[in-house]
């Protein structure tokens, strides 16, 4: 008799749990919800120039823009993706063609491009980056540096298929 009451309570508690969390939680093992796509940042597309050439370096160098590109959902690295980079630097304004360049991600989805030192524009030292190819949705980023004396800036893209 005591075992019957325990089973009834367990059944009621389980039913309440199903109602509260949804039946799908019983059918699918617990796991991460996946990697969310990166949203475009406000101001990220300022002075964007479609078709900036792939380059080994922008200007004289001395500053490194780095980052990664992965796929939304499973977070898999995306090799061969084109990332455009531009900024206000010691050698030019972000609207100048010579301040723009693009690079491709490596086998691990990482990219890095050397460029002149970024300097503050509108009070903030920041860079601009864009993923603008056809396979995934376009994303513009505008990361701000912690200090104008930093010589690296990193940005990470998680792309949603187009």
N, C-alpha and C. Protein backbone atom coordinates (compact mmCIF):
# COMPACT_ATOMS: atom_id res chain seq x y z
N UNK A 1 0.82 -1.19 0.00
CA UNK A 1 0.00 0.00 0.00
C UNK A 1 0.86 1.25 0.00
N UNK A 2 1.92 1.26 0.81
CA UNK A 2 2.81 2.41 0.88
C UNK A 2 3.49 2.67 -0.48
N UNK A 3 3.87 1.62 -1.17
CA UNK A 3 4.51 1.75 -2.47
C UNK A 3 3.55 2.36 -3.49
N UNK A 4 2.26 2.05 -3.41
CA UNK A 4 1.27 2.60 -4.32
C UNK A 4 1.15 4.10 -4.13
N UNK A 5 1.14 4.60 -2.91
CA UNK A 5 1.07 6.04 -2.65
C UNK A 5 2.31 6.75 -3.20
N UNK A 6 3.51 6.16 -3.00
CA UNK A 6 4.74 6.75 -3.50
C UNK A 6 4.69 6.83 -5.04
N UNK A 7 4.22 5.81 -5.70
CA UNK A 7 4.13 5.80 -7.16
C UNK A 7 3.14 6.85 -7.64
N UNK A 8 2.04 6.99 -6.96
CA UNK A 8 1.05 7.99 -7.33
C UNK A 8 1.64 9.39 -7.19
N UNK A 9 2.37 9.65 -6.11
CA UNK A 9 3.01 10.96 -5.92
C UNK A 9 4.06 11.22 -7.01
N UNK A 10 4.83 10.19 -7.32
CA UNK A 10 5.84 10.32 -8.37
C UNK A 10 5.17 10.63 -9.70
N UNK A 11 4.08 9.95 -9.99
CA UNK A 11 3.35 10.19 -11.23
C UNK A 11 2.81 11.61 -11.28
N UNK A 12 2.26 12.09 -10.20
CA UNK A 12 1.71 13.46 -10.16
C UNK A 12 2.84 14.48 -10.31
N UNK A 13 3.96 14.25 -9.62
CA UNK A 13 5.10 15.17 -9.71
C UNK A 13 5.67 15.18 -11.13
N UNK A 14 5.75 14.00 -11.74
CA UNK A 14 6.26 13.92 -13.11
C UNK A 14 5.33 14.62 -14.08
N UNK A 15 4.04 14.44 -13.92
CA UNK A 15 3.06 15.10 -14.79
C UNK A 15 3.16 16.62 -14.64
N UNK A 16 3.31 17.09 -13.41
CA UNK A 16 3.44 18.53 -13.19
C UNK A 16 4.72 19.05 -13.84
N UNK A 17 5.78 18.28 -13.77
CA UNK A 17 7.05 18.68 -14.39
C UNK A 17 6.92 18.76 -15.90
N UNK A 18 6.19 17.82 -16.49
CA UNK A 18 5.98 17.83 -17.94
C UNK A 18 5.20 19.07 -18.35
N UNK A 19 4.18 19.40 -17.59
CA UNK A 19 3.38 20.58 -17.89
C UNK A 19 4.24 21.84 -17.77
N UNK A 20 5.08 21.90 -16.74
CA UNK A 20 5.90 23.09 -16.50
C UNK A 20 7.01 23.26 -17.51
N UNK A 21 7.66 22.17 -17.92
CA UNK A 21 8.83 22.28 -18.81
C UNK A 21 8.55 21.87 -20.24
N UNK A 22 7.46 21.22 -20.50
CA UNK A 22 7.17 20.76 -21.85
C UNK A 22 7.63 19.32 -22.02
N UNK A 23 6.87 18.57 -22.77
CA UNK A 23 7.16 17.15 -22.95
C UNK A 23 8.44 16.92 -23.73
N UNK A 24 8.86 17.88 -24.54
CA UNK A 24 10.06 17.67 -25.35
C UNK A 24 11.30 17.44 -24.49
N UNK A 25 11.31 17.96 -23.25
CA UNK A 25 12.48 17.76 -22.42
C UNK A 25 12.67 16.31 -22.02
N UNK A 26 11.61 15.50 -22.11
CA UNK A 26 11.73 14.08 -21.81
C UNK A 26 12.24 13.29 -23.01
N UNK A 27 12.01 13.81 -24.20
CA UNK A 27 12.37 13.08 -25.41
C UNK A 27 13.77 13.39 -25.91
N UNK A 28 14.30 14.56 -25.58
CA UNK A 28 15.61 15.00 -26.07
C UNK A 28 16.55 15.11 -24.89
N UNK A 29 17.74 14.52 -24.99
CA UNK A 29 18.68 14.65 -23.88
C UNK A 29 19.09 16.10 -23.67
N UNK A 30 19.43 16.44 -22.44
CA UNK A 30 19.86 17.81 -22.13
C UNK A 30 21.14 18.13 -22.88
N UNK A 31 21.20 19.32 -23.49
CA UNK A 31 22.40 19.79 -24.18
C UNK A 31 22.27 21.30 -24.38
N UNK A 32 23.36 21.90 -24.78
CA UNK A 32 23.37 23.34 -25.01
C UNK A 32 22.39 23.69 -26.12
N UNK A 33 21.81 24.86 -26.02
CA UNK A 33 20.84 25.32 -27.00
C UNK A 33 21.47 25.70 -28.34
N UNK A 34 22.77 25.74 -28.41
CA UNK A 34 23.43 26.12 -29.65
C UNK A 34 24.02 27.51 -29.53
N UNK A 35 24.75 27.88 -30.54
CA UNK A 35 25.44 29.16 -30.55
C UNK A 35 24.58 30.15 -31.33
N UNK A 36 24.23 31.26 -30.69
CA UNK A 36 23.38 32.27 -31.30
C UNK A 36 24.18 33.10 -32.31
N UNK A 37 23.53 33.56 -33.38
CA UNK A 37 24.23 34.39 -34.36
C UNK A 37 24.59 35.76 -33.78
N UNK A 38 25.65 36.35 -34.29
CA UNK A 38 26.08 37.68 -33.89
C UNK A 38 25.19 38.72 -34.57
N UNK A 39 24.57 39.61 -33.81
CA UNK A 39 23.79 40.67 -34.46
C UNK A 39 24.70 41.78 -34.95
N UNK A 40 24.29 42.48 -36.00
CA UNK A 40 25.05 43.64 -36.46
C UNK A 40 25.00 44.72 -35.38
N UNK A 41 26.09 45.45 -35.26
CA UNK A 41 26.18 46.52 -34.28
C UNK A 41 25.82 47.86 -34.91
N UNK A 42 25.17 48.68 -34.13
CA UNK A 42 24.83 50.04 -34.57
C UNK A 42 26.12 50.78 -34.92
N UNK A 43 26.15 51.42 -36.06
CA UNK A 43 27.32 52.16 -36.50
C UNK A 43 28.38 51.31 -37.17
N UNK A 44 28.16 50.00 -37.20
CA UNK A 44 29.15 49.11 -37.79
C UNK A 44 29.36 49.30 -39.27
N UNK A 45 28.31 49.70 -39.98
CA UNK A 45 28.43 49.84 -41.44
C UNK A 45 28.88 51.23 -41.88
N UNK A 46 29.14 52.14 -40.94
CA UNK A 46 29.60 53.48 -41.32
C UNK A 46 30.85 53.40 -42.18
N UNK A 47 30.84 54.09 -43.31
CA UNK A 47 31.95 54.17 -44.24
C UNK A 47 32.32 52.83 -44.88
N UNK A 48 31.39 51.88 -44.86
CA UNK A 48 31.59 50.58 -45.51
C UNK A 48 31.77 50.78 -47.02
N UNK A 49 32.70 50.03 -47.60
CA UNK A 49 32.96 50.08 -49.04
C UNK A 49 32.86 48.67 -49.60
N UNK A 50 31.78 48.33 -50.28
CA UNK A 50 31.66 46.98 -50.86
C UNK A 50 32.86 46.68 -51.77
N UNK A 51 33.32 45.44 -51.69
CA UNK A 51 34.37 45.00 -52.61
C UNK A 51 35.78 45.40 -52.25
N UNK A 52 36.03 45.75 -51.00
CA UNK A 52 37.42 46.07 -50.63
C UNK A 52 38.31 44.88 -50.97
N UNK A 53 39.49 45.13 -51.50
CA UNK A 53 40.36 44.03 -51.94
C UNK A 53 40.92 43.21 -50.78
N UNK A 54 41.19 41.94 -51.04
CA UNK A 54 41.90 41.11 -50.07
C UNK A 54 43.36 41.54 -50.11
N UNK A 55 43.90 41.84 -48.92
CA UNK A 55 45.26 42.38 -48.83
C UNK A 55 46.06 41.60 -47.78
N UNK A 56 47.38 41.70 -47.86
CA UNK A 56 48.25 41.11 -46.84
C UNK A 56 48.35 42.02 -45.63
N UNK A 57 48.20 43.33 -45.84
CA UNK A 57 48.31 44.32 -44.78
C UNK A 57 47.69 45.61 -45.28
N UNK A 58 47.14 46.40 -44.34
CA UNK A 58 46.64 47.73 -44.67
C UNK A 58 47.72 48.72 -44.22
N UNK A 59 48.23 49.52 -45.13
CA UNK A 59 49.21 50.54 -44.78
C UNK A 59 50.49 49.96 -44.21
N UNK A 60 51.11 50.75 -43.31
CA UNK A 60 52.40 50.36 -42.75
C UNK A 60 52.34 49.34 -41.63
N UNK A 61 51.19 49.07 -41.12
CA UNK A 61 51.05 48.05 -40.08
C UNK A 61 51.37 48.56 -38.69
N UNK A 62 51.59 47.59 -37.77
CA UNK A 62 51.88 47.89 -36.38
C UNK A 62 50.74 47.59 -35.43
N UNK A 63 49.55 47.39 -35.94
CA UNK A 63 48.35 47.10 -35.16
C UNK A 63 47.72 45.84 -35.75
N UNK A 64 47.21 44.96 -34.89
CA UNK A 64 46.61 43.70 -35.38
C UNK A 64 45.12 43.64 -35.07
N UNK A 65 44.32 43.42 -36.11
CA UNK A 65 42.90 43.12 -35.96
C UNK A 65 42.78 41.61 -36.08
N UNK A 66 42.18 40.97 -35.10
CA UNK A 66 42.07 39.51 -35.08
C UNK A 66 40.64 39.10 -34.77
N UNK A 67 40.36 37.82 -34.97
CA UNK A 67 39.05 37.31 -34.61
C UNK A 67 38.79 35.93 -35.16
N UNK A 68 37.55 35.50 -35.00
CA UNK A 68 37.13 34.19 -35.47
C UNK A 68 35.78 34.30 -36.16
N UNK A 69 35.50 33.30 -36.98
CA UNK A 69 34.21 33.22 -37.66
C UNK A 69 33.71 31.79 -37.51
N UNK A 70 32.51 31.65 -36.98
CA UNK A 70 31.91 30.32 -36.80
C UNK A 70 30.45 30.35 -37.23
N UNK A 71 29.87 29.16 -37.32
CA UNK A 71 28.49 29.00 -37.79
C UNK A 71 27.54 29.00 -36.59
N UNK A 72 26.44 29.71 -36.73
CA UNK A 72 25.40 29.70 -35.70
C UNK A 72 24.85 28.28 -35.56
N UNK A 73 24.42 27.95 -34.38
CA UNK A 73 23.88 26.62 -34.11
C UNK A 73 24.91 25.72 -33.51
N UNK A 74 25.81 25.19 -34.35
CA UNK A 74 26.79 24.23 -33.85
C UNK A 74 28.15 24.85 -33.51
N UNK A 75 28.36 26.12 -33.87
CA UNK A 75 29.62 26.79 -33.54
C UNK A 75 30.82 26.32 -34.33
N UNK A 76 30.59 25.58 -35.42
CA UNK A 76 31.71 25.07 -36.23
C UNK A 76 32.50 26.22 -36.85
N UNK A 77 33.84 26.15 -36.85
CA UNK A 77 34.65 27.19 -37.48
C UNK A 77 34.37 27.23 -38.98
N UNK A 78 34.46 28.42 -39.56
CA UNK A 78 34.18 28.61 -40.99
C UNK A 78 35.44 29.09 -41.71
N UNK A 79 36.16 28.18 -42.36
CA UNK A 79 37.35 28.58 -43.12
C UNK A 79 36.96 29.27 -44.42
N UNK A 80 37.88 30.09 -44.93
CA UNK A 80 37.71 30.72 -46.24
C UNK A 80 36.67 31.82 -46.29
N UNK A 81 36.28 32.39 -45.15
CA UNK A 81 35.28 33.46 -45.14
C UNK A 81 35.96 34.82 -45.23
N UNK A 82 35.39 35.70 -46.02
CA UNK A 82 35.95 37.03 -46.27
C UNK A 82 35.47 38.01 -45.21
N UNK A 83 36.43 38.66 -44.53
CA UNK A 83 36.13 39.68 -43.53
C UNK A 83 36.77 40.98 -43.98
N UNK A 84 35.95 42.03 -44.11
CA UNK A 84 36.47 43.35 -44.46
C UNK A 84 36.73 44.13 -43.18
N UNK A 85 37.84 44.88 -43.17
CA UNK A 85 38.26 45.65 -41.99
C UNK A 85 38.59 47.07 -42.43
N UNK A 86 38.17 48.06 -41.62
CA UNK A 86 38.54 49.44 -41.86
C UNK A 86 38.47 50.21 -40.54
N UNK A 87 39.21 51.32 -40.48
CA UNK A 87 39.25 52.11 -39.25
C UNK A 87 39.89 53.46 -39.50
N UNK A 88 39.73 54.35 -38.55
CA UNK A 88 40.44 55.62 -38.52
C UNK A 88 41.80 55.31 -37.89
N UNK A 89 42.87 55.52 -38.64
CA UNK A 89 44.21 55.14 -38.18
C UNK A 89 45.18 56.32 -38.28
N UNK A 90 46.40 56.07 -37.87
CA UNK A 90 47.45 57.09 -37.99
C UNK A 90 47.75 57.43 -39.44
N UNK A 91 47.26 56.61 -40.38
CA UNK A 91 47.54 56.84 -41.80
C UNK A 91 46.33 57.26 -42.62
N UNK A 92 45.16 57.37 -42.00
CA UNK A 92 44.00 57.79 -42.78
C UNK A 92 42.69 57.62 -42.03
N UNK A 93 41.68 58.26 -42.56
CA UNK A 93 40.33 58.21 -42.00
C UNK A 93 39.63 56.94 -42.46
N UNK A 94 38.63 56.51 -41.74
CA UNK A 94 37.92 55.28 -42.09
C UNK A 94 37.15 55.39 -43.41
N UNK A 95 36.95 56.57 -43.91
CA UNK A 95 36.25 56.72 -45.20
C UNK A 95 37.21 56.60 -46.39
N UNK A 96 38.53 56.65 -46.14
CA UNK A 96 39.53 56.58 -47.20
C UNK A 96 39.67 55.14 -47.71
N UNK A 97 39.78 55.00 -49.04
CA UNK A 97 39.94 53.66 -49.63
C UNK A 97 41.16 52.95 -49.08
N UNK A 98 42.26 53.67 -48.86
CA UNK A 98 43.48 53.02 -48.40
C UNK A 98 43.39 52.57 -46.92
N UNK A 99 42.31 52.91 -46.25
CA UNK A 99 42.09 52.45 -44.87
C UNK A 99 41.22 51.19 -44.82
N UNK A 100 40.88 50.64 -45.98
CA UNK A 100 40.04 49.45 -46.08
C UNK A 100 40.83 48.28 -46.65
N UNK A 101 40.52 47.08 -46.18
CA UNK A 101 41.10 45.87 -46.74
C UNK A 101 40.30 44.67 -46.26
N UNK A 102 40.51 43.54 -46.88
CA UNK A 102 39.80 42.32 -46.49
C UNK A 102 40.81 41.20 -46.34
N UNK A 103 40.42 40.19 -45.57
CA UNK A 103 41.23 39.01 -45.36
C UNK A 103 40.32 37.79 -45.34
N UNK A 104 40.90 36.60 -45.40
CA UNK A 104 40.14 35.36 -45.36
C UNK A 104 40.46 34.59 -44.08
N UNK A 105 39.48 33.86 -43.57
CA UNK A 105 39.72 33.03 -42.39
C UNK A 105 40.52 31.80 -42.76
N UNK A 106 41.31 31.30 -41.78
CA UNK A 106 42.11 30.09 -41.99
C UNK A 106 41.26 28.84 -41.71
N UNK A 107 41.90 27.69 -41.65
CA UNK A 107 41.20 26.40 -41.48
C UNK A 107 40.41 26.33 -40.16
N UNK A 108 40.85 27.09 -39.15
CA UNK A 108 40.16 27.10 -37.86
C UNK A 108 39.15 28.24 -37.75
N UNK A 109 38.91 28.95 -38.84
CA UNK A 109 37.97 30.06 -38.83
C UNK A 109 38.54 31.34 -38.23
N UNK A 110 39.85 31.40 -38.05
CA UNK A 110 40.50 32.57 -37.46
C UNK A 110 40.99 33.52 -38.56
N UNK A 111 41.03 34.80 -38.24
CA UNK A 111 41.60 35.78 -39.17
C UNK A 111 42.47 36.76 -38.38
N UNK A 112 43.39 37.37 -39.08
CA UNK A 112 44.20 38.45 -38.53
C UNK A 112 44.72 39.28 -39.68
N UNK A 113 44.72 40.57 -39.47
CA UNK A 113 45.18 41.49 -40.50
C UNK A 113 45.92 42.64 -39.82
N UNK A 114 47.13 42.90 -40.30
CA UNK A 114 47.92 44.00 -39.75
C UNK A 114 47.51 45.29 -40.45
N UNK A 115 47.50 46.36 -39.67
CA UNK A 115 47.08 47.67 -40.17
C UNK A 115 47.75 48.75 -39.32
N UNK A 116 47.65 50.03 -39.71
CA UNK A 116 48.21 51.09 -38.88
C UNK A 116 47.46 51.19 -37.55
N UNK A 117 48.07 51.84 -36.58
CA UNK A 117 47.47 52.03 -35.26
C UNK A 117 46.12 52.73 -35.39
N UNK A 118 45.11 52.17 -34.74
CA UNK A 118 43.80 52.81 -34.69
C UNK A 118 43.87 53.98 -33.72
N UNK A 119 43.28 55.11 -34.12
CA UNK A 119 43.22 56.30 -33.27
C UNK A 119 41.76 56.66 -33.04
N UNK A 120 41.47 57.40 -31.97
CA UNK A 120 40.08 57.76 -31.67
C UNK A 120 39.42 58.56 -32.79
N UNK A 121 38.21 58.20 -33.08
CA UNK A 121 37.34 58.97 -33.97
C UNK A 121 36.04 59.17 -33.20
N UNK A 122 35.57 60.38 -33.12
CA UNK A 122 34.38 60.71 -32.33
C UNK A 122 34.57 60.31 -30.87
N UNK A 123 35.82 60.44 -30.37
CA UNK A 123 36.10 60.18 -28.97
C UNK A 123 36.41 58.74 -28.61
N UNK A 124 36.23 57.80 -29.53
CA UNK A 124 36.45 56.39 -29.22
C UNK A 124 37.39 55.75 -30.22
N UNK A 125 38.41 55.03 -29.74
CA UNK A 125 39.21 54.23 -30.68
C UNK A 125 38.43 52.95 -31.00
N UNK A 126 38.11 52.75 -32.25
CA UNK A 126 37.29 51.60 -32.64
C UNK A 126 37.63 51.17 -34.06
N UNK A 127 37.29 49.93 -34.34
CA UNK A 127 37.45 49.38 -35.68
C UNK A 127 36.11 49.04 -36.27
N UNK A 128 36.11 48.75 -37.56
CA UNK A 128 34.91 48.30 -38.25
C UNK A 128 35.26 47.00 -38.96
N UNK A 129 34.35 46.04 -38.88
CA UNK A 129 34.54 44.76 -39.56
C UNK A 129 33.21 44.36 -40.18
N UNK A 130 33.29 43.65 -41.30
CA UNK A 130 32.06 43.19 -41.95
C UNK A 130 32.27 41.81 -42.55
N UNK A 131 31.27 40.96 -42.36
CA UNK A 131 31.14 39.75 -43.17
C UNK A 131 30.09 40.12 -44.20
N UNK A 132 30.43 40.03 -45.48
CA UNK A 132 29.50 40.51 -46.51
C UNK A 132 29.45 39.62 -47.75
N UNK A 133 29.64 38.32 -47.56
CA UNK A 133 29.54 37.40 -48.70
C UNK A 133 28.13 36.81 -48.76
N UNK A 134 27.91 35.91 -49.70
CA UNK A 134 26.55 35.42 -49.98
C UNK A 134 26.08 34.25 -49.13
N UNK A 135 26.97 33.43 -48.61
CA UNK A 135 26.56 32.19 -47.94
C UNK A 135 25.86 32.42 -46.61
N UNK A 136 26.17 33.55 -45.94
CA UNK A 136 25.61 33.85 -44.62
C UNK A 136 25.06 35.27 -44.61
N UNK A 137 24.25 35.58 -43.61
CA UNK A 137 23.70 36.92 -43.48
C UNK A 137 24.80 37.92 -43.15
N UNK A 138 24.71 39.11 -43.73
CA UNK A 138 25.70 40.16 -43.52
C UNK A 138 25.69 40.60 -42.06
N UNK A 139 26.90 40.80 -41.51
CA UNK A 139 27.05 41.27 -40.13
C UNK A 139 28.12 42.37 -40.13
N UNK A 140 27.79 43.50 -39.51
CA UNK A 140 28.73 44.60 -39.32
C UNK A 140 29.03 44.72 -37.84
N UNK A 141 30.32 44.83 -37.50
CA UNK A 141 30.73 45.00 -36.11
C UNK A 141 31.52 46.30 -35.96
N UNK A 142 31.42 46.89 -34.77
CA UNK A 142 32.14 48.12 -34.44
C UNK A 142 32.68 48.00 -33.01
N UNK A 143 33.69 47.14 -32.81
CA UNK A 143 34.23 47.00 -31.45
C UNK A 143 35.05 48.22 -31.04
N UNK A 144 34.91 48.59 -29.77
CA UNK A 144 35.62 49.73 -29.20
C UNK A 144 36.80 49.20 -28.39
N UNK A 145 37.94 49.85 -28.53
CA UNK A 145 39.14 49.45 -27.80
C UNK A 145 39.05 49.93 -26.35
N UNK A 146 39.68 49.20 -25.44
CA UNK A 146 39.74 49.61 -24.04
C UNK A 146 40.57 50.87 -23.89
N UNK A 147 41.63 51.00 -24.68
CA UNK A 147 42.55 52.13 -24.59
C UNK A 147 43.09 52.45 -25.98
N UNK A 148 43.31 53.73 -26.23
CA UNK A 148 43.87 54.14 -27.53
C UNK A 148 45.29 53.63 -27.72
N UNK A 149 45.94 53.18 -26.64
CA UNK A 149 47.30 52.66 -26.75
C UNK A 149 47.34 51.16 -27.03
N UNK A 150 46.19 50.48 -27.02
CA UNK A 150 46.15 49.06 -27.36
C UNK A 150 46.66 48.87 -28.78
N UNK A 151 47.37 47.76 -29.02
CA UNK A 151 47.85 47.51 -30.39
C UNK A 151 47.21 46.28 -31.02
N UNK A 152 46.11 45.80 -30.41
CA UNK A 152 45.30 44.73 -30.98
C UNK A 152 43.83 44.98 -30.68
N UNK A 153 42.99 44.45 -31.51
CA UNK A 153 41.54 44.48 -31.29
C UNK A 153 40.98 43.19 -31.88
N UNK A 154 40.11 42.55 -31.14
CA UNK A 154 39.57 41.26 -31.57
C UNK A 154 38.06 41.34 -31.72
N UNK A 155 37.54 40.66 -32.72
CA UNK A 155 36.10 40.61 -32.96
C UNK A 155 35.74 39.20 -33.42
N UNK A 156 34.58 38.74 -33.01
CA UNK A 156 34.17 37.37 -33.33
C UNK A 156 32.79 37.37 -33.98
N UNK A 157 32.70 36.65 -35.08
CA UNK A 157 31.47 36.54 -35.84
C UNK A 157 30.89 35.14 -35.66
N UNK A 158 29.59 35.06 -35.40
CA UNK A 158 28.85 33.80 -35.47
C UNK A 158 27.78 34.06 -36.52
N UNK A 159 27.91 33.36 -37.64
CA UNK A 159 27.09 33.67 -38.83
C UNK A 159 25.91 32.74 -39.00
N UNK A 160 24.80 33.33 -39.42
CA UNK A 160 23.55 32.64 -39.71
C UNK A 160 23.47 32.42 -41.23
N UNK A 161 23.21 31.19 -41.68
CA UNK A 161 23.07 30.98 -43.13
C UNK A 161 22.07 31.95 -43.75
N UNK A 162 22.35 32.37 -44.97
CA UNK A 162 21.49 33.34 -45.68
C UNK A 162 20.18 32.68 -46.09
